[in-house]
Amino acid sequence: MIITTDSGKSIDTADLTPEERHILQKLFAWKAIADSLNQFRKIKDRAMKMGWNNSGPVQESHILKIIIQHLEKELIQRLKKEKKA
């Protein structure tokens, strides 16, 4: 999957480890349902500590960090839009 950030950078998730891709899938879902940025970050931290199928901590690569920052921005936009409605 190719993710294009708000700065126009294209990132191929094939460049992530399988563990990072698994965590990213969960974060995409949480981006859609999280009630706050704080909740999203707690979920992210827990996922990074637990790893894939409780395999242990996953080191957050630079690429994953960029994607997560992008997801956080999208979450903030969604929450602002919902607040206005």
C-alpha atoms as a PDB file:
ATOM      1  CA  MET A   1       0.000   0.000   0.000  1.00  0.00           C
ATOM      2  CA  ILE A   2       1.241   3.471  -0.838  1.00  0.00           C
ATOM      3  CA  ILE A   3       0.516   6.192   1.711  1.00  0.00           C
ATOM      4  CA  THR A   4       0.830   9.816   0.659  1.00  0.00           C
ATOM      5  CA  THR A   5       1.370  12.186   3.565  1.00  0.00           C
ATOM      6  CA  ASP A   6       0.040  15.728   3.711  1.00  0.00           C
ATOM      7  CA  SER A   7       3.509  16.963   2.731  1.00  0.00           C
ATOM      8  CA  GLY A   8       3.240  14.957  -0.498  1.00  0.00           C
ATOM      9  CA  LYS A   9       5.703  12.237   0.510  1.00  0.00           C
ATOM     10  CA  SER A  10       4.755   8.776  -0.789  1.00  0.00           C
ATOM     11  CA  ILE A  11       5.610   5.848   1.456  1.00  0.00           C
ATOM     12  CA  ASP A  12       5.331   2.198   0.449  1.00  0.00           C
ATOM     13  CA  THR A  13       4.310   0.017   3.378  1.00  0.00           C
ATOM     14  CA  ALA A  14       6.373  -2.772   1.790  1.00  0.00           C
ATOM     15  CA  ASP A  15       9.327  -0.905   3.306  1.00  0.00           C
ATOM     16  CA  LEU A  16       8.011  -1.699   6.804  1.00  0.00           C
ATOM     17  CA  THR A  17       8.649  -4.908   8.701  1.00  0.00           C
ATOM     18  CA  PRO A  18       5.752  -7.398   8.935  1.00  0.00           C
ATOM     19  CA  GLU A  19       5.379  -6.435  12.600  1.00  0.00           C
ATOM     20  CA  GLU A  20       5.155  -2.739  11.741  1.00  0.00           C
ATOM     21  CA  ARG A  21       2.570  -3.432   9.017  1.00  0.00           C
ATOM     22  CA  HIS A  22       0.459  -5.407  11.494  1.00  0.00           C
ATOM     23  CA  ILE A  23       0.545  -2.536  13.983  1.00  0.00           C
ATOM     24  CA  LEU A  24      -0.213  -0.048  11.208  1.00  0.00           C
ATOM     25  CA  GLN A  25      -3.348  -2.012  10.258  1.00  0.00           C
ATOM     26  CA  LYS A  26      -4.583  -1.676  13.835  1.00  0.00           C
ATOM     27  CA  LEU A  27      -3.770   2.035  13.883  1.00  0.00           C
ATOM     28  CA  PHE A  28      -5.762   2.641  10.695  1.00  0.00           C
ATOM     29  CA  ALA A  29      -8.794   1.185  12.454  1.00  0.00           C
ATOM     30  CA  TRP A  30      -8.145   3.174  15.629  1.00  0.00           C
ATOM     31  CA  LYS A  31      -7.765   6.381  13.616  1.00  0.00           C
ATOM     32  CA  ALA A  32     -11.393   5.946  12.602  1.00  0.00           C
ATOM     33  CA  ILE A  33     -12.782   5.258  16.081  1.00  0.00           C
ATOM     34  CA  ALA A  34     -10.491   6.906  18.636  1.00  0.00           C
ATOM     35  CA  ASP A  35     -12.161   9.525  20.837  1.00  0.00           C
ATOM     36  CA  SER A  36      -8.976  11.546  21.272  1.00  0.00           C
ATOM     37  CA  LEU A  37      -5.383  11.887  20.185  1.00  0.00           C
ATOM     38  CA  ASN A  38      -4.354  10.764  23.660  1.00  0.00           C
ATOM     39  CA  GLN A  39      -6.337   7.535  23.304  1.00  0.00           C
ATOM     40  CA  PHE A  40      -4.787   6.891  19.868  1.00  0.00           C
ATOM     41  CA  ARG A  41      -1.275   7.402  21.259  1.00  0.00           C
ATOM     42  CA  LYS A  42      -1.928   5.051  24.172  1.00  0.00           C
ATOM     43  CA  ILE A  43      -3.131   2.365  21.748  1.00  0.00           C
ATOM     44  CA  LYS A  44      -0.041   2.939  19.591  1.00  0.00           C
ATOM     45  CA  ASP A  45       2.292   2.692  22.579  1.00  0.00           C
ATOM     46  CA  ARG A  46       0.636  -0.508  23.784  1.00  0.00           C
ATOM     47  CA  ALA A  47       0.811  -2.053  20.297  1.00  0.00           C
ATOM     48  CA  MET A  48       4.506  -1.164  19.976  1.00  0.00           C
ATOM     49  CA  LYS A  49       5.239  -2.749  23.370  1.00  0.00           C
ATOM     50  CA  MET A  50       3.231  -5.932  22.733  1.00  0.00           C
ATOM     51  CA  GLY A  51       4.323  -6.454  19.141  1.00  0.00           C
ATOM     52  CA  TRP A  52       2.734  -8.810  16.690  1.00  0.00           C
ATOM     53  CA  ASN A  53       0.883 -11.667  18.417  1.00  0.00           C
ATOM     54  CA  ASN A  54       2.596 -10.685  21.671  1.00  0.00           C
ATOM     55  CA  SER A  55       6.000 -11.268  20.054  1.00  0.00           C
ATOM     56  CA  GLY A  56       7.563  -8.487  22.085  1.00  0.00           C
ATOM     57  CA  PRO A  57       8.419  -4.845  21.542  1.00  0.00           C
ATOM     58  CA  VAL A  58       8.656  -3.449  18.026  1.00  0.00           C
ATOM     59  CA  GLN A  59      11.172  -0.709  17.315  1.00  0.00           C
ATOM     60  CA  GLU A  60       9.444   2.249  15.645  1.00  0.00           C
ATOM     61  CA  SER A  61      11.318   2.940  12.404  1.00  0.00           C
ATOM     62  CA  HIS A  62      11.646   6.415  10.934  1.00  0.00           C
ATOM     63  CA  ILE A  63       9.206   5.470   8.160  1.00  0.00           C
ATOM     64  CA  LEU A  64       6.607   4.192  10.624  1.00  0.00           C
ATOM     65  CA  LYS A  65       7.022   7.340  12.710  1.00  0.00           C
ATOM     66  CA  ILE A  66       6.231   9.500   9.647  1.00  0.00           C
ATOM     67  CA  ILE A  67       3.138   7.414   8.865  1.00  0.00           C
ATOM     68  CA  ILE A  68       1.921   7.601  12.471  1.00  0.00           C
ATOM     69  CA  GLN A  69       2.349  11.379  12.491  1.00  0.00           C
ATOM     70  CA  HIS A  70       0.248  11.486   9.319  1.00  0.00           C
ATOM     71  CA  LEU A  71      -2.447   9.316  10.934  1.00  0.00           C
ATOM     72  CA  GLU A  72      -2.458  11.586  13.982  1.00  0.00           C
ATOM     73  CA  LYS A  73      -3.048  14.630  11.767  1.00  0.00           C
ATOM     74  CA  GLU A  74      -5.927  12.845  10.036  1.00  0.00           C
ATOM     75  CA  LEU A  75      -7.386  11.899  13.421  1.00  0.00           C
ATOM     76  CA  ILE A  76      -7.195  15.504  14.614  1.00  0.00           C
ATOM     77  CA  GLN A  77      -8.991  16.653  11.451  1.00  0.00           C
ATOM     78  CA  ARG A  78     -11.731  14.039  11.971  1.00  0.00           C
ATOM     79  CA  LEU A  79     -12.212  15.047  15.604  1.00  0.00           C
ATOM     80  CA  LYS A  80     -12.435  18.747  14.684  1.00  0.00           C
ATOM     81  CA  LYS A  81     -14.988  17.977  11.983  1.00  0.00           C
ATOM     82  CA  GLU A  82     -17.080  15.886  14.384  1.00  0.00           C
ATOM     83  CA  LYS A  83     -16.930  18.629  17.011  1.00  0.00           C
ATOM     84  CA  LYS A  84     -18.345  21.153  14.528  1.00  0.00           C
ATOM     85  CA  ALA A  85     -21.205  18.847  13.541  1.00  0.00           C
END
